Amino acid sequence: MLSFSVALPSPYMTYEEYARFSGMSFRLVKDWALEGKIITAPKINKGDTPLVNVVAMMEKASREANQILGHRA
């Protein structure tokens, strides 16, 4: 377990919001989402706005940090 916590502004964000939040470019967020590097919420309808699952991304980052630091997940 990590020794700090992060307050998330929202559990889901649009690509634009996530780009601002993460400091990444919009294009990179979109490309990584298409490649599966960024976890997105399932779209219910064809016209739904794509949303980044920020909670899942934070969990993924936490697990990766624990692995790098040699802690058990």
PDB file of N, CA and C in Angstrom:
ATOM      1  N   MET A   1       0.850  -1.182   0.000  1.00  0.00           N
ATOM      2  CA  MET A   1       0.000   0.000   0.000  1.00  0.00           C
ATOM      3  C   MET A   1       0.890   1.239   0.000  1.00  0.00           C
ATOM      4  N   LEU A   2       0.495   2.225  -0.745  1.00  0.00           N
ATOM      5  CA  LEU A   2       1.256   3.459  -0.797  1.00  0.00           C
ATOM      6  C   LEU A   2       1.000   4.301   0.442  1.00  0.00           C
ATOM      7  N   SER A   3       1.930   5.183   0.748  1.00  0.00           N
ATOM      8  CA  SER A   3       1.847   5.965   1.986  1.00  0.00           C
ATOM      9  C   SER A   3       1.205   7.332   1.796  1.00  0.00           C
ATOM     10  N   PHE A   4       0.468   7.511   0.718  1.00  0.00           N
ATOM     11  CA  PHE A   4      -0.205   8.783   0.477  1.00  0.00           C
ATOM     12  C   PHE A   4      -1.516   8.541  -0.240  1.00  0.00           C
ATOM     13  N   SER A   5      -2.348   9.565  -0.291  1.00  0.00           N
ATOM     14  CA  SER A   5      -3.609   9.442  -1.022  1.00  0.00           C
ATOM     15  C   SER A   5      -3.741  10.606  -1.995  1.00  0.00           C
ATOM     16  N   VAL A   6      -4.515  10.372  -3.028  1.00  0.00           N
ATOM     17  CA  VAL A   6      -4.746  11.385  -4.050  1.00  0.00           C
ATOM     18  C   VAL A   6      -6.241  11.663  -4.111  1.00  0.00           C
ATOM     19  N   ALA A   7      -6.609  12.924  -4.043  1.00  0.00           N
ATOM     20  CA  ALA A   7      -8.021  13.298  -4.159  1.00  0.00           C
ATOM     21  C   ALA A   7      -8.350  13.491  -5.638  1.00  0.00           C
ATOM     22  N   LEU A   8      -9.307  12.726  -6.099  1.00  0.00           N
ATOM     23  CA  LEU A   8      -9.708  12.826  -7.502  1.00  0.00           C
ATOM     24  C   LEU A   8     -10.882  13.796  -7.636  1.00  0.00           C
ATOM     25  N   PRO A   9     -10.836  14.654  -8.643  1.00  0.00           N
ATOM     26  CA  PRO A   9     -11.945  15.589  -8.829  1.00  0.00           C
ATOM     27  C   PRO A   9     -13.222  14.901  -9.308  1.00  0.00           C
ATOM     28  N   SER A  10     -13.070  13.755  -9.970  1.00  0.00           N
ATOM     29  CA  SER A  10     -14.222  13.041 -10.513  1.00  0.00           C
ATOM     30  C   SER A  10     -13.787  11.622 -10.848  1.00  0.00           C
ATOM     31  N   PRO A  11     -14.688  10.634 -10.730  1.00  0.00           N
ATOM     32  CA  PRO A  11     -14.304   9.268 -11.090  1.00  0.00           C
ATOM     33  C   PRO A  11     -14.164   9.063 -12.599  1.00  0.00           C
ATOM     34  N   TYR A  12     -14.815   9.890 -13.376  1.00  0.00           N
ATOM     35  CA  TYR A  12     -14.727   9.834 -14.834  1.00  0.00           C
ATOM     36  C   TYR A  12     -14.434  11.222 -15.375  1.00  0.00           C
ATOM     37  N   MET A  13     -13.641  11.280 -16.451  1.00  0.00           N
ATOM     38  CA  MET A  13     -13.332  12.553 -17.100  1.00  0.00           C
ATOM     39  C   MET A  13     -13.366  12.369 -18.611  1.00  0.00           C
ATOM     40  N   THR A  14     -13.734  13.442 -19.302  1.00  0.00           N
ATOM     41  CA  THR A  14     -13.617  13.428 -20.761  1.00  0.00           C
ATOM     42  C   THR A  14     -12.130  13.410 -21.115  1.00  0.00           C
ATOM     43  N   TYR A  15     -11.824  13.121 -22.365  1.00  0.00           N
ATOM     44  CA  TYR A  15     -10.431  13.142 -22.807  1.00  0.00           C
ATOM     45  C   TYR A  15      -9.815  14.518 -22.569  1.00  0.00           C
ATOM     46  N   GLU A  16     -10.583  15.570 -22.836  1.00  0.00           N
ATOM     47  CA  GLU A  16     -10.079  16.936 -22.658  1.00  0.00           C
ATOM     48  C   GLU A  16      -9.747  17.207 -21.193  1.00  0.00           C
ATOM     49  N   GLU A  17     -10.663  16.818 -20.297  1.00  0.00           N
ATOM     50  CA  GLU A  17     -10.432  17.021 -18.864  1.00  0.00           C
ATOM     51  C   GLU A  17      -9.223  16.215 -18.381  1.00  0.00           C
ATOM     52  N   TYR A  18      -9.128  14.967 -18.837  1.00  0.00           N
ATOM     53  CA  TYR A  18      -8.015  14.114 -18.421  1.00  0.00           C
ATOM     54  C   TYR A  18      -6.690  14.655 -18.942  1.00  0.00           C
ATOM     55  N   ALA A  19      -6.694  15.192 -20.151  1.00  0.00           N
ATOM     56  CA  ALA A  19      -5.476  15.790 -20.706  1.00  0.00           C
ATOM     57  C   ALA A  19      -5.003  16.939 -19.822  1.00  0.00           C
ATOM     58  N   ARG A  20      -5.917  17.823 -19.425  1.00  0.00           N
ATOM     59  CA  ARG A  20      -5.551  18.935 -18.536  1.00  0.00           C
ATOM     60  C   ARG A  20      -5.082  18.420 -17.174  1.00  0.00           C
ATOM     61  N   PHE A  21      -5.808  17.469 -16.617  1.00  0.00           N
ATOM     62  CA  PHE A  21      -5.509  16.917 -15.289  1.00  0.00           C
ATOM     63  C   PHE A  21      -4.144  16.232 -15.264  1.00  0.00           C
ATOM     64  N   SER A  22      -3.832  15.490 -16.321  1.00  0.00           N
ATOM     65  CA  SER A  22      -2.603  14.697 -16.353  1.00  0.00           C
ATOM     66  C   SER A  22      -1.415  15.452 -16.927  1.00  0.00           C
ATOM     67  N   GLY A  23      -1.681  16.534 -17.656  1.00  0.00           N
ATOM     68  CA  GLY A  23      -0.603  17.263 -18.318  1.00  0.00           C
ATOM     69  C   GLY A  23      -0.237  16.674 -19.674  1.00  0.00           C
ATOM     70  N   MET A  24      -0.987  15.684 -20.113  1.00  0.00           N
ATOM     71  CA  MET A  24      -0.750  15.078 -21.423  1.00  0.00           C
ATOM     72  C   MET A  24      -1.496  15.877 -22.488  1.00  0.00           C
ATOM     73  N   SER A  25      -1.075  15.721 -23.730  1.00  0.00           N
ATOM     74  CA  SER A  25      -1.808  16.374 -24.814  1.00  0.00           C
ATOM     75  C   SER A  25      -3.097  15.604 -25.090  1.00  0.00           C
ATOM     76  N   PHE A  26      -4.080  16.308 -25.619  1.00  0.00           N
ATOM     77  CA  PHE A  26      -5.342  15.663 -25.984  1.00  0.00           C
ATOM     78  C   PHE A  26      -5.087  14.523 -26.965  1.00  0.00           C
ATOM     79  N   ARG A  27      -4.227  14.764 -27.950  1.00  0.00           N
ATOM     80  CA  ARG A  27      -3.937  13.757 -28.977  1.00  0.00           C
ATOM     81  C   ARG A  27      -3.352  12.491 -28.346  1.00  0.00           C
ATOM     82  N   LEU A  28      -2.429  12.660 -27.385  1.00  0.00           N
ATOM     83  CA  LEU A  28      -1.822  11.501 -26.734  1.00  0.00           C
ATOM     84  C   LEU A  28      -2.853  10.733 -25.918  1.00  0.00           C
ATOM     85  N   VAL A  29      -3.719  11.441 -25.213  1.00  0.00           N
ATOM     86  CA  VAL A  29      -4.783  10.785 -24.443  1.00  0.00           C
ATOM     87  C   VAL A  29      -5.659   9.959 -25.384  1.00  0.00           C
ATOM     88  N   LYS A  30      -6.056  10.556 -26.486  1.00  0.00           N
ATOM     89  CA  LYS A  30      -6.919   9.850 -27.448  1.00  0.00           C
ATOM     90  C   LYS A  30      -6.205   8.628 -28.029  1.00  0.00           C
ATOM     91  N   ASP A  31      -4.943   8.802 -28.419  1.00  0.00           N
ATOM     92  CA  ASP A  31      -4.173   7.681 -28.985  1.00  0.00           C
ATOM     93  C   ASP A  31      -3.997   6.561 -27.968  1.00  0.00           C
ATOM     94  N   TRP A  32      -3.624   6.916 -26.736  1.00  0.00           N
ATOM     95  CA  TRP A  32      -3.415   5.892 -25.705  1.00  0.00           C
ATOM     96  C   TRP A  32      -4.711   5.190 -25.342  1.00  0.00           C
ATOM     97  N   ALA A  33      -5.823   5.914 -25.368  1.00  0.00           N
ATOM     98  CA  ALA A  33      -7.118   5.282 -25.100  1.00  0.00           C
ATOM     99  C   ALA A  33      -7.418   4.251 -26.188  1.00  0.00           C
ATOM    100  N   LEU A  34      -7.150   4.600 -27.433  1.00  0.00           N
ATOM    101  CA  LEU A  34      -7.375   3.663 -28.539  1.00  0.00           C
ATOM    102  C   LEU A  34      -6.455   2.449 -28.449  1.00  0.00           C
ATOM    103  N   GLU A  35      -5.249   2.638 -27.907  1.00  0.00           N
ATOM    104  CA  GLU A  35      -4.290   1.540 -27.749  1.00  0.00           C
ATOM    105  C   GLU A  35      -4.542   0.716 -26.485  1.00  0.00           C
ATOM    106  N   GLY A  36      -5.444   1.187 -25.603  1.00  0.00           N
ATOM    107  CA  GLY A  36      -5.732   0.472 -24.378  1.00  0.00           C
ATOM    108  C   GLY A  36      -4.817   0.833 -23.217  1.00  0.00           C
ATOM    109  N   LYS A  37      -3.963   1.830 -23.384  1.00  0.00           N
ATOM    110  CA  LYS A  37      -3.071   2.266 -22.309  1.00  0.00           C
ATOM    111  C   LYS A  37      -3.807   3.122 -21.281  1.00  0.00           C
ATOM    112  N   ILE A  38      -4.895   3.734 -21.698  1.00  0.00           N
ATOM    113  CA  ILE A  38      -5.756   4.508 -20.806  1.00  0.00           C
ATOM    114  C   ILE A  38      -7.081   3.768 -20.713  1.00  0.00           C
ATOM    115  N   ILE A  39      -7.538   3.530 -19.492  1.00  0.00           N
ATOM    116  CA  ILE A  39      -8.766   2.768 -19.261  1.00  0.00           C
ATOM    117  C   ILE A  39      -9.972   3.691 -19.419  1.00  0.00           C
ATOM    118  N   THR A  40     -10.898   3.281 -20.249  1.00  0.00           N
ATOM    119  CA  THR A  40     -12.097   4.081 -20.497  1.00  0.00           C
ATOM    120  C   THR A  40     -13.344   3.346 -20.027  1.00  0.00           C
ATOM    121  N   ALA A  41     -14.378   4.128 -19.762  1.00  0.00           N
ATOM    122  CA  ALA A  41     -15.675   3.554 -19.392  1.00  0.00           C
ATOM    123  C   ALA A  41     -16.327   2.979 -20.643  1.00  0.00           C
ATOM    124  N   PRO A  42     -17.046   1.876 -20.503  1.00  0.00           N
ATOM    125  CA  PRO A  42     -17.746   1.330 -21.663  1.00  0.00           C
ATOM    126  C   PRO A  42     -18.806   2.314 -22.170  1.00  0.00           C
ATOM    127  N   LYS A  43     -18.899   2.427 -23.473  1.00  0.00           N
ATOM    128  CA  LYS A  43     -19.925   3.284 -24.069  1.00  0.00           C
ATOM    129  C   LYS A  43     -21.212   2.472 -24.192  1.00  0.00           C
ATOM    130  N   ILE A  44     -22.304   3.041 -23.708  1.00  0.00           N
ATOM    131  CA  ILE A  44     -23.600   2.369 -23.770  1.00  0.00           C
ATOM    132  C   ILE A  44     -24.219   2.569 -25.153  1.00  0.00           C
ATOM    133  N   ASN A  45     -24.202   3.807 -25.617  1.00  0.00           N
ATOM    134  CA  ASN A  45     -24.768   4.148 -26.921  1.00  0.00           C
ATOM    135  C   ASN A  45     -23.670   4.635 -27.853  1.00  0.00           C
ATOM    136  N   LYS A  46     -23.882   4.488 -29.136  1.00  0.00           N
ATOM    137  CA  LYS A  46     -22.880   4.838 -30.140  1.00  0.00           C
ATOM    138  C   LYS A  46     -22.398   6.283 -30.012  1.00  0.00           C
ATOM    139  N   GLY A  47     -23.257   7.217 -29.715  1.00  0.00           N
ATOM    140  CA  GLY A  47     -22.894   8.630 -29.657  1.00  0.00           C
ATOM    141  C   GLY A  47     -22.382   9.118 -28.311  1.00  0.00           C
ATOM    142  N   ASP A  48     -22.216   8.214 -27.345  1.00  0.00           N
ATOM    143  CA  ASP A  48     -21.757   8.625 -26.020  1.00  0.00           C
ATOM    144  C   ASP A  48     -20.358   9.233 -26.073  1.00  0.00           C
ATOM    145  N   THR A  49     -20.128  10.214 -25.214  1.00  0.00           N
ATOM    146  CA  THR A  49     -18.810  10.825 -25.096  1.00  0.00           C
ATOM    147  C   THR A  49     -17.868   9.838 -24.416  1.00  0.00           C
ATOM    148  N   PRO A  50     -16.691   9.602 -25.000  1.00  0.00           N
ATOM    149  CA  PRO A  50     -15.747   8.695 -24.343  1.00  0.00           C
ATOM    150  C   PRO A  50     -15.260   9.289 -23.018  1.00  0.00           C
ATOM    151  N   LEU A  51     -15.196   8.457 -21.992  1.00  0.00           N
ATOM    152  CA  LEU A  51     -14.773   8.909 -20.671  1.00  0.00           C
ATOM    153  C   LEU A  51     -13.632   8.047 -20.152  1.00  0.00           C
ATOM    154  N   VAL A  52     -12.639   8.697 -19.558  1.00  0.00           N
ATOM    155  CA  VAL A  52     -11.537   7.992 -18.913  1.00  0.00           C
ATOM    156  C   VAL A  52     -12.002   7.575 -17.523  1.00  0.00           C
ATOM    157  N   ASN A  53     -11.768   6.332 -17.164  1.00  0.00           N
ATOM    158  CA  ASN A  53     -12.076   5.837 -15.825  1.00  0.00           C
ATOM    159  C   ASN A  53     -10.882   6.198 -14.941  1.00  0.00           C
ATOM    160  N   VAL A  54     -10.969   7.327 -14.270  1.00  0.00           N
ATOM    161  CA  VAL A  54      -9.854   7.855 -13.481  1.00  0.00           C
ATOM    162  C   VAL A  54      -9.569   6.961 -12.274  1.00  0.00           C
ATOM    163  N   VAL A  55     -10.585   6.400 -11.663  1.00  0.00           N
ATOM    164  CA  VAL A  55     -10.388   5.509 -10.516  1.00  0.00           C
ATOM    165  C   VAL A  55      -9.562   4.292 -10.947  1.00  0.00           C
ATOM    166  N   ALA A  56      -9.897   3.711 -12.080  1.00  0.00           N
ATOM    167  CA  ALA A  56      -9.152   2.554 -12.582  1.00  0.00           C
ATOM    168  C   ALA A  56      -7.722   2.936 -12.938  1.00  0.00           C
ATOM    169  N   MET A  57      -7.529   4.120 -13.491  1.00  0.00           N
ATOM    170  CA  MET A  57      -6.177   4.570 -13.836  1.00  0.00           C
ATOM    171  C   MET A  57      -5.332   4.773 -12.577  1.00  0.00           C
ATOM    172  N   MET A  58      -5.923   5.308 -11.520  1.00  0.00           N
ATOM    173  CA  MET A  58      -5.192   5.501 -10.268  1.00  0.00           C
ATOM    174  C   MET A  58      -4.850   4.148  -9.636  1.00  0.00           C
ATOM    175  N   GLU A  59      -5.774   3.206  -9.703  1.00  0.00           N
ATOM    176  CA  GLU A  59      -5.513   1.864  -9.175  1.00  0.00           C
ATOM    177  C   GLU A  59      -4.380   1.200  -9.953  1.00  0.00           C
ATOM    178  N   LYS A  60      -4.401   1.350 -11.269  1.00  0.00           N
ATOM    179  CA  LYS A  60      -3.346   0.793 -12.119  1.00  0.00           C
ATOM    180  C   LYS A  60      -1.995   1.405 -11.744  1.00  0.00           C
ATOM    181  N   ALA A  61      -1.953   2.713 -11.580  1.00  0.00           N
ATOM    182  CA  ALA A  61      -0.707   3.403 -11.219  1.00  0.00           C
ATOM    183  C   ALA A  61      -0.221   2.948  -9.841  1.00  0.00           C
ATOM    184  N   SER A  62      -1.139   2.755  -8.911  1.00  0.00           N
ATOM    185  CA  SER A  62      -0.779   2.300  -7.569  1.00  0.00           C
ATOM    186  C   SER A  62      -0.166   0.901  -7.613  1.00  0.00           C
ATOM    187  N   ARG A  63      -0.769   0.015  -8.375  1.00  0.00           N
ATOM    188  CA  ARG A  63      -0.237  -1.349  -8.497  1.00  0.00           C
ATOM    189  C   ARG A  63       1.143  -1.347  -9.151  1.00  0.00           C
ATOM    190  N   GLU A  64       1.305  -0.513 -10.190  1.00  0.00           N
ATOM    191  CA  GLU A  64       2.598  -0.420 -10.862  1.00  0.00           C
ATOM    192  C   GLU A  64       3.661   0.127  -9.911  1.00  0.00           C
ATOM    193  N   ALA A  65       3.306   1.120  -9.112  1.00  0.00           N
ATOM    194  CA  ALA A  65       4.251   1.690  -8.147  1.00  0.00           C
ATOM    195  C   ALA A  65       4.648   0.645  -7.114  1.00  0.00           C
ATOM    196  N   ASN A  66       3.682  -0.106  -6.608  1.00  0.00           N
ATOM    197  CA  ASN A  66       3.983  -1.159  -5.638  1.00  0.00           C
ATOM    198  C   ASN A  66       4.907  -2.216  -6.233  1.00  0.00           C
ATOM    199  N   GLN A  67       4.685  -2.561  -7.484  1.00  0.00           N
ATOM    200  CA  GLN A  67       5.517  -3.555  -8.158  1.00  0.00           C
ATOM    201  C   GLN A  67       6.948  -3.036  -8.311  1.00  0.00           C
ATOM    202  N   ILE A  68       7.083  -1.794  -8.713  1.00  0.00           N
ATOM    203  CA  ILE A  68       8.405  -1.196  -8.886  1.00  0.00           C
ATOM    204  C   ILE A  68       9.140  -1.121  -7.541  1.00  0.00           C
ATOM    205  N   LEU A  69       8.410  -0.790  -6.493  1.00  0.00           N
ATOM    206  CA  LEU A  69       9.010  -0.642  -5.172  1.00  0.00           C
ATOM    207  C   LEU A  69       9.205  -1.974  -4.448  1.00  0.00           C
ATOM    208  N   GLY A  70       8.707  -3.061  -5.036  1.00  0.00           N
ATOM    209  CA  GLY A  70       8.893  -4.376  -4.455  1.00  0.00           C
ATOM    210  C   GLY A  70       7.907  -4.736  -3.368  1.00  0.00           C
ATOM    211  N   HIS A  71       6.782  -4.029  -3.319  1.00  0.00           N
ATOM    212  CA  HIS A  71       5.750  -4.340  -2.335  1.00  0.00           C
ATOM    213  C   HIS A  71       4.757  -5.320  -2.914  1.00  0.00           C
ATOM    214  N   ARG A  72       4.116  -6.046  -2.046  1.00  0.00           N
ATOM    215  CA  ARG A  72       3.065  -6.961  -2.506  1.00  0.00           C
ATOM    216  C   ARG A  72       1.798  -6.166  -2.790  1.00  0.00           C
ATOM    217  N   ALA A  73       1.106  -6.542  -3.845  1.00  0.00           N
ATOM    218  CA  ALA A  73      -0.143  -5.864  -4.200  1.00  0.00           C
ATOM    219  C   ALA A  73      -1.306  -6.419  -3.419  1.00  0.00           C
TER     220      ALA A  73
END
